[in-house]
All heavy atoms as atom14 arrays in JSON, in Angstrom:
{
  "sequence": "ENIDCELFTWHNYFPKKGFARAIVNRFELKTSIGIDISRFSRDFFNK",
  "atom14_mask": [
    [1, 1, 1, 1, 1, 1, 1, 1, 1, 0, 0, 0, 0, 0],
    [1, 1, 1, 1, 1, 1, 1, 1, 0, 0, 0, 0, 0, 0],
    [1, 1, 1, 1, 1, 1, 1, 1, 0, 0, 0, 0, 0, 0],
    [1, 1, 1, 1, 1, 1, 1, 1, 0, 0, 0, 0, 0, 0],
    [1, 1, 1, 1, 1, 1, 0, 0, 0, 0, 0, 0, 0, 0],
    [1, 1, 1, 1, 1, 1, 1, 1, 1, 0, 0, 0, 0, 0],
    [1, 1, 1, 1, 1, 1, 1, 1, 0, 0, 0, 0, 0, 0],
    [1, 1, 1, 1, 1, 1, 1, 1, 1, 1, 1, 0, 0, 0],
    [1, 1, 1, 1, 1, 1, 1, 0, 0, 0, 0, 0, 0, 0],
    [1, 1, 1, 1, 1, 1, 1, 1, 1, 1, 1, 1, 1, 1],
    [1, 1, 1, 1, 1, 1, 1, 1, 1, 1, 0, 0, 0, 0],
    [1, 1, 1, 1, 1, 1, 1, 1, 0, 0, 0, 0, 0, 0],
    [1, 1, 1, 1, 1, 1, 1, 1, 1, 1, 1, 1, 0, 0],
    [1, 1, 1, 1, 1, 1, 1, 1, 1, 1, 1, 0, 0, 0],
    [1, 1, 1, 1, 1, 1, 1, 0, 0, 0, 0, 0, 0, 0],
    [1, 1, 1, 1, 1, 1, 1, 1, 1, 0, 0, 0, 0, 0],
    [1, 1, 1, 1, 1, 1, 1, 1, 1, 0, 0, 0, 0, 0],
    [1, 1, 1, 1, 0, 0, 0, 0, 0, 0, 0, 0, 0, 0],
    [1, 1, 1, 1, 1, 1, 1, 1, 1, 1, 1, 0, 0, 0],
    [1, 1, 1, 1, 1, 0, 0, 0, 0, 0, 0, 0, 0, 0],
    [1, 1, 1, 1, 1, 1, 1, 1, 1, 1, 1, 0, 0, 0],
    [1, 1, 1, 1, 1, 0, 0, 0, 0, 0, 0, 0, 0, 0],
    [1, 1, 1, 1, 1, 1, 1, 1, 0, 0, 0, 0, 0, 0],
    [1, 1, 1, 1, 1, 1, 1, 0, 0, 0, 0, 0, 0, 0],
    [1, 1, 1, 1, 1, 1, 1, 1, 0, 0, 0, 0, 0, 0],
    [1, 1, 1, 1, 1, 1, 1, 1, 1, 1, 1, 0, 0, 0],
    [1, 1, 1, 1, 1, 1, 1, 1, 1, 1, 1, 0, 0, 0],
    [1, 1, 1, 1, 1, 1, 1, 1, 1, 0, 0, 0, 0, 0],
    [1, 1, 1, 1, 1, 1, 1, 1, 0, 0, 0, 0, 0, 0],
    [1, 1, 1, 1, 1, 1, 1, 1, 1, 0, 0, 0, 0, 0],
    [1, 1, 1, 1, 1, 1, 1, 0, 0, 0, 0, 0, 0, 0],
    [1, 1, 1, 1, 1, 1, 0, 0, 0, 0, 0, 0, 0, 0],
    [1, 1, 1, 1, 1, 1, 1, 1, 0, 0, 0, 0, 0, 0],
    [1, 1, 1, 1, 0, 0, 0, 0, 0, 0, 0, 0, 0, 0],
    [1, 1, 1, 1, 1, 1, 1, 1, 0, 0, 0, 0, 0, 0],
    [1, 1, 1, 1, 1, 1, 1, 1, 0, 0, 0, 0, 0, 0],
    [1, 1, 1, 1, 1, 1, 1, 1, 0, 0, 0, 0, 0, 0],
    [1, 1, 1, 1, 1, 1, 0, 0, 0, 0, 0, 0, 0, 0],
    [1, 1, 1, 1, 1, 1, 1, 1, 1, 1, 1, 0, 0, 0],
    [1, 1, 1, 1, 1, 1, 1, 1, 1, 1, 1, 0, 0, 0],
    [1, 1, 1, 1, 1, 1, 0, 0, 0, 0, 0, 0, 0, 0],
    [1, 1, 1, 1, 1, 1, 1, 1, 1, 1, 1, 0, 0, 0],
    [1, 1, 1, 1, 1, 1, 1, 1, 0, 0, 0, 0, 0, 0],
    [1, 1, 1, 1, 1, 1, 1, 1, 1, 1, 1, 0, 0, 0],
    [1, 1, 1, 1, 1, 1, 1, 1, 1, 1, 1, 0, 0, 0],
    [1, 1, 1, 1, 1, 1, 1, 1, 0, 0, 0, 0, 0, 0],
    [1, 1, 1, 1, 1, 1, 1, 1, 1, 0, 0, 0, 0, 0]
  ],
  "atom14_positions": [
    [[3.74, -39.26, 23.59], [4.12, -40.59, 23.13], [5.61, -40.83, 23.37], [6.43, -39.93, 23.26], [3.81, -40.71, 21.63], [3.96, -42.12, 21.08], [3.58, -42.2, 19.61], [3.19, -41.16, 19.05], [3.7, -43.29, 19.04], [0.0, 0.0, 0.0], [0.0, 0.0, 0.0], [0.0, 0.0, 0.0], [0.0, 0.0, 0.0], [0.0, 0.0, 0.0]],
    [[5.94, -42.07, 23.72], [7.33, -42.48, 23.97], [7.96, -41.8, 25.17], [9.18, -41.63, 25.24], [8.2, -42.24, 22.73], [7.84, -43.17, 21.59], [7.46, -44.32, 21.82], [7.91, -42.68, 20.37], [0.0, 0.0, 0.0], [0.0, 0.0, 0.0], [0.0, 0.0, 0.0], [0.0, 0.0, 0.0], [0.0, 0.0, 0.0], [0.0, 0.0, 0.0]],
    [[7.1, -41.41, 26.12], [7.6, -40.88, 27.39], [7.17, -41.82, 28.52], [6.0, -42.16, 28.64], [7.06, -39.46, 27.67], [7.58, -38.47, 26.65], [7.45, -39.02, 29.08], [9.07, -38.22, 26.7], [0.0, 0.0, 0.0], [0.0, 0.0, 0.0], [0.0, 0.0, 0.0], [0.0, 0.0, 0.0], [0.0, 0.0, 0.0], [0.0, 0.0, 0.0]],
    [[8.12, -42.25, 29.31], [7.85, -43.07, 30.49], [8.21, -42.21, 31.7], [9.38, -41.89, 31.91], [8.71, -44.33, 30.45], [8.48, -45.23, 31.65], [7.52, -44.99, 32.4], [9.27, -46.17, 31.86], [0.0, 0.0, 0.0], [0.0, 0.0, 0.0], [0.0, 0.0, 0.0], [0.0, 0.0, 0.0], [0.0, 0.0, 0.0], [0.0, 0.0, 0.0]],
    [[7.2, -41.79, 32.47], [7.49, -40.86, 33.56], [6.96, -41.38, 34.9], [6.06, -42.21, 34.96], [6.92, -39.48, 33.26], [5.16, -39.45, 32.93], [0.0, 0.0, 0.0], [0.0, 0.0, 0.0], [0.0, 0.0, 0.0], [0.0, 0.0, 0.0], [0.0, 0.0, 0.0], [0.0, 0.0, 0.0], [0.0, 0.0, 0.0], [0.0, 0.0, 0.0]],
    [[7.56, -40.86, 35.96], [7.19, -41.24, 37.31], [7.27, -40.02, 38.21], [8.05, -39.09, 37.95], [8.13, -42.34, 37.82], [7.71, -42.94, 39.15], [8.59, -44.09, 39.58], [9.45, -44.52, 38.78], [8.43, -44.56, 40.72], [0.0, 0.0, 0.0], [0.0, 0.0, 0.0], [0.0, 0.0, 0.0], [0.0, 0.0, 0.0], [0.0, 0.0, 0.0]],
    [[6.46, -40.03, 39.27], [6.42, -38.93, 40.23], [6.91, -39.43, 41.58], [6.44, -40.44, 42.1], [4.99, -38.4, 40.35], [4.74, -37.2, 41.26], [5.49, -35.97, 40.73], [3.25, -36.9, 41.35], [0.0, 0.0, 0.0], [0.0, 0.0, 0.0], [0.0, 0.0, 0.0], [0.0, 0.0, 0.0], [0.0, 0.0, 0.0], [0.0, 0.0, 0.0]],
    [[7.89, -38.73, 42.16], [8.45, -39.11, 43.45], [8.42, -37.89, 44.36], [9.04, -36.87, 44.06], [9.89, -39.6, 43.26], [10.52, -40.14, 44.52], [10.02, -41.27, 45.14], [11.63, -39.51, 45.08], [10.61, -41.77, 46.3], [12.23, -40.0, 46.23], [11.71, -41.14, 46.84], [0.0, 0.0, 0.0], [0.0, 0.0, 0.0], [0.0, 0.0, 0.0]],
    [[7.66, -37.98, 45.46], [7.45, -36.81, 46.31], [7.78, -37.1, 47.78], [7.8, -38.26, 48.21], [6.0, -36.32, 46.23], [5.13, -37.3, 46.81], [5.6, -36.09, 44.77], [0.0, 0.0, 0.0], [0.0, 0.0, 0.0], [0.0, 0.0, 0.0], [0.0, 0.0, 0.0], [0.0, 0.0, 0.0], [0.0, 0.0, 0.0], [0.0, 0.0, 0.0]],
    [[8.0, -36.02, 48.53], [8.32, -36.18, 49.94], [7.1, -36.0, 50.85], [7.2, -36.08, 52.07], [9.43, -35.23, 50.37], [9.11, -33.75, 50.31], [8.22, -33.05, 51.08], [9.73, -32.79, 49.44], [8.24, -31.73, 50.75], [9.16, -31.53, 49.74], [10.7, -32.87, 48.46], [9.53, -30.37, 49.08], [11.07, -31.72, 47.81], [10.48, -30.48, 48.11]],
    [[5.95, -35.76, 50.29], [4.76, -35.45, 51.07], [4.47, -36.51, 52.14], [4.14, -36.18, 53.29], [3.56, -35.31, 50.14], [2.27, -34.97, 50.82], [2.09, -33.8, 51.51], [1.11, -35.66, 50.94], [0.87, -33.77, 52.01], [0.26, -34.88, 51.69], [0.0, 0.0, 0.0], [0.0, 0.0, 0.0], [0.0, 0.0, 0.0], [0.0, 0.0, 0.0]],
    [[4.58, -37.77, 51.78], [4.24, -38.85, 52.72], [5.37, -39.21, 53.68], [5.21, -40.1, 54.52], [3.82, -40.1, 51.94], [2.52, -39.89, 51.18], [1.63, -39.18, 51.65], [2.4, -40.48, 50.0], [0.0, 0.0, 0.0], [0.0, 0.0, 0.0], [0.0, 0.0, 0.0], [0.0, 0.0, 0.0], [0.0, 0.0, 0.0], [0.0, 0.0, 0.0]],
    [[6.5, -38.53, 53.55], [7.61, -38.78, 54.46], [7.46, -38.05, 55.79], [8.26, -38.24, 56.7], [8.94, -38.37, 53.81], [9.47, -39.4, 52.84], [8.88, -39.56, 51.59], [10.55, -40.21, 53.16], [9.36, -40.5, 50.69], [11.04, -41.16, 52.27], [10.43, -41.29, 51.03], [10.91, -42.23, 50.15], [0.0, 0.0, 0.0], [0.0, 0.0, 0.0]],
    [[6.43, -37.22, 55.89], [6.22, -36.42, 57.1], [4.83, -36.69, 57.67], [3.87, -35.99, 57.35], [6.38, -34.94, 56.79], [7.75, -34.59, 56.27], [8.01, -34.57, 54.91], [8.78, -34.31, 57.14], [9.27, -34.28, 54.42], [10.05, -34.01, 56.67], [10.29, -33.99, 55.31], [0.0, 0.0, 0.0], [0.0, 0.0, 0.0], [0.0, 0.0, 0.0]],
    [[4.69, -37.73, 58.52], [3.39, -38.06, 59.11], [2.83, -36.87, 59.88], [3.57, -36.11, 60.49], [3.72, -39.21, 60.07], [5.02, -39.76, 59.57], [5.76, -38.6, 58.99], [0.0, 0.0, 0.0], [0.0, 0.0, 0.0], [0.0, 0.0, 0.0], [0.0, 0.0, 0.0], [0.0, 0.0, 0.0], [0.0, 0.0, 0.0], [0.0, 0.0, 0.0]],
    [[1.5, -36.73, 59.84], [0.89, -35.54, 60.45], [0.22, -35.84, 61.8], [-0.35, -34.95, 62.4], [-0.15, -34.94, 59.49], [0.49, -34.34, 58.24], [-0.55, -33.74, 57.34], [0.09, -32.94, 56.22], [1.03, -33.72, 55.41], [0.0, 0.0, 0.0], [0.0, 0.0, 0.0], [0.0, 0.0, 0.0], [0.0, 0.0, 0.0], [0.0, 0.0, 0.0]],
    [[0.27, -37.06, 62.27], [-0.42, -37.41, 63.51], [0.45, -37.13, 64.73], [1.63, -37.48, 64.77], [-0.81, -38.89, 63.49], [-1.88, -39.23, 62.46], [-2.27, -40.69, 62.54], [-3.36, -41.02, 61.51], [-3.75, -42.43, 61.57], [0.0, 0.0, 0.0], [0.0, 0.0, 0.0], [0.0, 0.0, 0.0], [0.0, 0.0, 0.0], [0.0, 0.0, 0.0]],
    [[-0.17, -36.5, 65.73], [0.51, -36.29, 67.01], [1.17, -34.93, 67.13], [1.7, -34.39, 66.17], [0.0, 0.0, 0.0], [0.0, 0.0, 0.0], [0.0, 0.0, 0.0], [0.0, 0.0, 0.0], [0.0, 0.0, 0.0], [0.0, 0.0, 0.0], [0.0, 0.0, 0.0], [0.0, 0.0, 0.0], [0.0, 0.0, 0.0], [0.0, 0.0, 0.0]],
    [[1.13, -34.39, 68.37], [1.7, -33.07, 68.64], [3.22, -33.08, 68.48], [3.79, -32.19, 67.86], [1.32, -32.65, 70.07], [1.9, -31.33, 70.48], [1.4, -30.15, 69.95], [2.97, -31.27, 71.37], [1.95, -28.92, 70.32], [3.51, -30.05, 71.74], [3.0, -28.88, 71.22], [0.0, 0.0, 0.0], [0.0, 0.0, 0.0], [0.0, 0.0, 0.0]],
    [[3.86, -34.11, 69.02], [5.31, -34.19, 68.93], [5.75, -34.32, 67.47], [6.74, -33.71, 67.05], [5.82, -35.39, 69.73], [0.0, 0.0, 0.0], [0.0, 0.0, 0.0], [0.0, 0.0, 0.0], [0.0, 0.0, 0.0], [0.0, 0.0, 0.0], [0.0, 0.0, 0.0], [0.0, 0.0, 0.0], [0.0, 0.0, 0.0], [0.0, 0.0, 0.0]],
    [[4.98, -35.1, 66.71], [5.31, -35.28, 65.3], [5.2, -33.96, 64.54], [6.0, -33.67, 63.66], [4.35, -36.31, 64.7], [4.57, -36.65, 63.24], [5.87, -37.4, 63.04], [6.82, -36.61, 62.28], [7.97, -37.06, 61.84], [8.34, -38.29, 62.1], [8.77, -36.3, 61.14], [0.0, 0.0, 0.0], [0.0, 0.0, 0.0], [0.0, 0.0, 0.0]],
    [[4.2, -33.15, 64.92], [4.01, -31.86, 64.26], [5.2, -30.93, 64.51], [5.62, -30.19, 63.62], [2.72, -31.21, 64.77], [0.0, 0.0, 0.0], [0.0, 0.0, 0.0], [0.0, 0.0, 0.0], [0.0, 0.0, 0.0], [0.0, 0.0, 0.0], [0.0, 0.0, 0.0], [0.0, 0.0, 0.0], [0.0, 0.0, 0.0], [0.0, 0.0, 0.0]],
    [[5.77, -30.99, 65.72], [6.93, -30.17, 66.05], [8.13, -30.61, 65.23], [8.88, -29.78, 64.68], [7.24, -30.25, 67.56], [6.1, -29.61, 68.36], [8.57, -29.56, 67.87], [6.25, -29.73, 69.86], [0.0, 0.0, 0.0], [0.0, 0.0, 0.0], [0.0, 0.0, 0.0], [0.0, 0.0, 0.0], [0.0, 0.0, 0.0], [0.0, 0.0, 0.0]],
    [[8.33, -31.92, 65.13], [9.45, -32.46, 64.35], [9.3, -32.05, 62.89], [10.26, -31.62, 62.24], [9.51, -34.0, 64.48], [10.54, -34.57, 63.5], [9.86, -34.39, 65.91], [0.0, 0.0, 0.0], [0.0, 0.0, 0.0], [0.0, 0.0, 0.0], [0.0, 0.0, 0.0], [0.0, 0.0, 0.0], [0.0, 0.0, 0.0], [0.0, 0.0, 0.0]],
    [[8.08, -32.2, 62.35], [7.83, -31.82, 60.96], [8.18, -30.36, 60.71], [8.81, -30.01, 59.7], [6.36, -32.05, 60.6], [6.03, -33.52, 60.45], [6.92, -34.38, 60.49], [4.77, -33.83, 60.28], [0.0, 0.0, 0.0], [0.0, 0.0, 0.0], [0.0, 0.0, 0.0], [0.0, 0.0, 0.0], [0.0, 0.0, 0.0], [0.0, 0.0, 0.0]],
    [[7.73, -29.52, 61.63], [7.95, -28.09, 61.46], [9.44, -27.77, 61.43], [9.9, -26.97, 60.61], [7.27, -27.33, 62.6], [7.36, -25.82, 62.46], [6.56, -25.13, 63.55], [6.64, -23.68, 63.42], [6.06, -22.83, 64.25], [5.33, -23.28, 65.27], [6.18, -21.53, 64.07], [0.0, 0.0, 0.0], [0.0, 0.0, 0.0], [0.0, 0.0, 0.0]],
    [[10.18, -28.41, 62.31], [11.63, -28.18, 62.36], [12.29, -28.66, 61.06], [13.1, -27.94, 60.46], [12.24, -28.92, 63.55], [13.75, -28.88, 63.56], [14.43, -27.77, 64.05], [14.5, -29.95, 63.08], [15.81, -27.72, 64.05], [15.88, -29.91, 63.07], [16.54, -28.8, 63.56], [0.0, 0.0, 0.0], [0.0, 0.0, 0.0], [0.0, 0.0, 0.0]],
    [[11.96, -29.86, 60.63], [12.59, -30.42, 59.43], [12.24, -29.62, 58.18], [13.11, -29.36, 57.34], [12.17, -31.88, 59.25], [12.76, -32.81, 60.3], [12.64, -34.27, 59.9], [13.04, -34.61, 58.78], [12.13, -35.07, 60.71], [0.0, 0.0, 0.0], [0.0, 0.0, 0.0], [0.0, 0.0, 0.0], [0.0, 0.0, 0.0], [0.0, 0.0, 0.0]],
    [[10.97, -29.25, 58.05], [10.55, -28.53, 56.85], [11.13, -27.12, 56.79], [11.32, -26.56, 55.71], [9.02, -28.45, 56.81], [8.3, -29.8, 56.58], [6.8, -29.64, 56.76], [8.61, -30.35, 55.2], [0.0, 0.0, 0.0], [0.0, 0.0, 0.0], [0.0, 0.0, 0.0], [0.0, 0.0, 0.0], [0.0, 0.0, 0.0], [0.0, 0.0, 0.0]],
    [[11.42, -26.57, 57.95], [11.99, -25.22, 57.98], [13.5, -25.24, 57.75], [14.04, -24.4, 57.02], [11.69, -24.56, 59.33], [12.15, -23.11, 59.41], [11.71, -22.47, 60.72], [12.14, -21.01, 60.78], [11.71, -20.36, 62.05], [0.0, 0.0, 0.0], [0.0, 0.0, 0.0], [0.0, 0.0, 0.0], [0.0, 0.0, 0.0], [0.0, 0.0, 0.0]],
    [[14.18, -26.21, 58.34], [15.65, -26.22, 58.31], [16.23, -27.14, 57.24], [17.43, -27.07, 56.94], [16.21, -26.66, 59.67], [15.8, -28.02, 59.92], [15.7, -25.75, 60.78], [0.0, 0.0, 0.0], [0.0, 0.0, 0.0], [0.0, 0.0, 0.0], [0.0, 0.0, 0.0], [0.0, 0.0, 0.0], [0.0, 0.0, 0.0], [0.0, 0.0, 0.0]],
    [[15.4, -28.03, 56.67], [15.86, -29.03, 55.7], [16.89, -29.98, 56.32], [17.8, -30.46, 55.65], [16.46, -28.35, 54.45], [15.51, -27.53, 53.84], [0.0, 0.0, 0.0], [0.0, 0.0, 0.0], [0.0, 0.0, 0.0], [0.0, 0.0, 0.0], [0.0, 0.0, 0.0], [0.0, 0.0, 0.0], [0.0, 0.0, 0.0], [0.0, 0.0, 0.0]],
    [[16.73, -30.24, 57.61], [17.59, -31.16, 58.34], [16.71, -32.12, 59.13], [15.73, -31.7, 59.74], [18.53, -30.41, 59.32], [19.45, -29.46, 58.57], [19.35, -31.39, 60.16], [20.26, -28.56, 59.47], [0.0, 0.0, 0.0], [0.0, 0.0, 0.0], [0.0, 0.0, 0.0], [0.0, 0.0, 0.0], [0.0, 0.0, 0.0], [0.0, 0.0, 0.0]],
    [[17.05, -33.41, 59.13], [16.3, -34.35, 59.94], [16.3, -35.75, 59.36], [16.69, -35.99, 58.23], [0.0, 0.0, 0.0], [0.0, 0.0, 0.0], [0.0, 0.0, 0.0], [0.0, 0.0, 0.0], [0.0, 0.0, 0.0], [0.0, 0.0, 0.0], [0.0, 0.0, 0.0], [0.0, 0.0, 0.0], [0.0, 0.0, 0.0], [0.0, 0.0, 0.0]],
    [[15.8, -36.69, 60.16], [15.83, -38.1, 59.78], [14.92, -38.39, 58.59], [15.25, -39.21, 57.73], [15.45, -38.99, 61.0], [15.7, -40.47, 60.66], [14.0, -38.75, 61.42], [15.58, -41.37, 61.87], [0.0, 0.0, 0.0], [0.0, 0.0, 0.0], [0.0, 0.0, 0.0], [0.0, 0.0, 0.0], [0.0, 0.0, 0.0], [0.0, 0.0, 0.0]],
    [[13.78, -37.7, 58.51], [12.86, -37.93, 57.4], [13.43, -37.4, 56.09], [13.26, -38.01, 55.03], [11.51, -37.26, 57.69], [10.86, -37.83, 58.93], [10.58, -39.03, 58.96], [10.65, -37.06, 59.88], [0.0, 0.0, 0.0], [0.0, 0.0, 0.0], [0.0, 0.0, 0.0], [0.0, 0.0, 0.0], [0.0, 0.0, 0.0], [0.0, 0.0, 0.0]],
    [[14.12, -36.28, 56.18], [14.75, -35.71, 54.99], [15.89, -36.6, 54.51], [16.07, -36.83, 53.32], [15.23, -34.29, 55.28], [14.01, -33.36, 55.41], [16.17, -33.77, 54.19], [14.31, -31.97, 55.88], [0.0, 0.0, 0.0], [0.0, 0.0, 0.0], [0.0, 0.0, 0.0], [0.0, 0.0, 0.0], [0.0, 0.0, 0.0], [0.0, 0.0, 0.0]],
    [[16.65, -37.16, 55.46], [17.73, -38.09, 55.1], [17.16, -39.34, 54.44], [17.73, -39.85, 53.46], [18.53, -38.47, 56.34], [19.17, -37.33, 56.89], [0.0, 0.0, 0.0], [0.0, 0.0, 0.0], [0.0, 0.0, 0.0], [0.0, 0.0, 0.0], [0.0, 0.0, 0.0], [0.0, 0.0, 0.0], [0.0, 0.0, 0.0], [0.0, 0.0, 0.0]],
    [[16.03, -39.81, 54.96], [15.39, -41.0, 54.39], [14.89, -40.74, 52.98], [15.06, -41.55, 52.07], [14.23, -41.43, 55.31], [13.57, -42.75, 54.92], [12.77, -43.29, 56.09], [11.8, -42.31, 56.57], [10.52, -42.29, 56.18], [10.08, -43.15, 55.28], [9.7, -41.39, 56.67], [0.0, 0.0, 0.0], [0.0, 0.0, 0.0], [0.0, 0.0, 0.0]],
    [[14.3, -39.57, 52.78], [13.81, -39.2, 51.45], [14.98, -39.1, 50.47], [14.91, -39.62, 49.34], [13.07, -37.87, 51.51], [12.74, -37.29, 50.17], [11.72, -37.83, 49.39], [13.47, -36.22, 49.65], [11.42, -37.31, 48.13], [13.18, -35.7, 48.4], [12.16, -36.25, 47.65], [0.0, 0.0, 0.0], [0.0, 0.0, 0.0], [0.0, 0.0, 0.0]],
    [[16.07, -38.47, 50.88], [17.24, -38.31, 50.01], [17.84, -39.67, 49.66], [18.22, -39.91, 48.51], [18.28, -37.43, 50.69], [17.8, -36.11, 50.88], [0.0, 0.0, 0.0], [0.0, 0.0, 0.0], [0.0, 0.0, 0.0], [0.0, 0.0, 0.0], [0.0, 0.0, 0.0], [0.0, 0.0, 0.0], [0.0, 0.0, 0.0], [0.0, 0.0, 0.0]],
    [[17.9, -40.55, 50.65], [18.46, -41.89, 50.41], [17.59, -42.68, 49.43], [18.1, -43.31, 48.5], [18.58, -42.64, 51.73], [19.22, -44.03, 51.58], [19.28, -44.75, 52.91], [17.95, -45.05, 53.44], [17.43, -44.48, 54.54], [18.13, -43.57, 55.2], [16.23, -44.81, 54.96], [0.0, 0.0, 0.0], [0.0, 0.0, 0.0], [0.0, 0.0, 0.0]],
    [[16.28, -42.62, 49.63], [15.35, -43.34, 48.75], [15.4, -42.79, 47.33], [15.29, -43.54, 46.35], [13.93, -43.27, 49.3], [13.75, -44.09, 50.57], [14.69, -44.85, 50.92], [12.68, -43.97, 51.21], [0.0, 0.0, 0.0], [0.0, 0.0, 0.0], [0.0, 0.0, 0.0], [0.0, 0.0, 0.0], [0.0, 0.0, 0.0], [0.0, 0.0, 0.0]],
    [[15.55, -41.48, 47.23], [15.64, -40.86, 45.91], [16.88, -41.36, 45.17], [16.81, -41.73, 43.99], [15.7, -39.34, 46.07], [16.16, -38.61, 44.85], [15.38, -38.55, 43.71], [17.41, -37.99, 44.83], [15.81, -37.88, 42.58], [17.86, -37.32, 43.7], [17.05, -37.27, 42.57], [0.0, 0.0, 0.0], [0.0, 0.0, 0.0], [0.0, 0.0, 0.0]],
    [[18.01, -41.4, 45.86], [19.23, -41.87, 45.21], [19.1, -43.34, 44.79], [19.49, -43.71, 43.67], [20.44, -41.71, 46.14], [21.7, -42.29, 45.55], [22.39, -41.61, 44.56], [22.18, -43.53, 45.98], [23.54, -42.14, 43.99], [23.33, -44.07, 45.42], [24.0, -43.37, 44.43], [0.0, 0.0, 0.0], [0.0, 0.0, 0.0], [0.0, 0.0, 0.0]],
    [[18.56, -44.16, 45.67], [18.41, -45.59, 45.35], [17.49, -45.8, 44.15], [17.72, -46.69, 43.32], [17.89, -46.35, 46.57], [18.92, -46.46, 47.67], [20.13, -46.38, 47.41], [18.48, -46.63, 48.91], [0.0, 0.0, 0.0], [0.0, 0.0, 0.0], [0.0, 0.0, 0.0], [0.0, 0.0, 0.0], [0.0, 0.0, 0.0], [0.0, 0.0, 0.0]],
    [[16.44, -44.98, 44.07], [15.53, -45.07, 42.93], [16.26, -44.72, 41.64], [16.11, -45.39, 40.62], [14.32, -44.16, 43.14], [13.37, -44.09, 41.95], [12.16, -43.23, 42.24], [11.16, -43.98, 43.07], [10.5, -45.08, 42.31], [0.0, 0.0, 0.0], [0.0, 0.0, 0.0], [0.0, 0.0, 0.0], [0.0, 0.0, 0.0], [0.0, 0.0, 0.0]]
  ]
}
């Protein structure tokens, strides 16, 4: 009671379609560097 909560995740920031996309995802998820990670971080701050 009296808790207002929300869930914010990065799962949908990494599309799974396509071979090239899979390579990009693998690189970003391993190194924590990339355009999708920057987008997630930016959206998190704005929220």
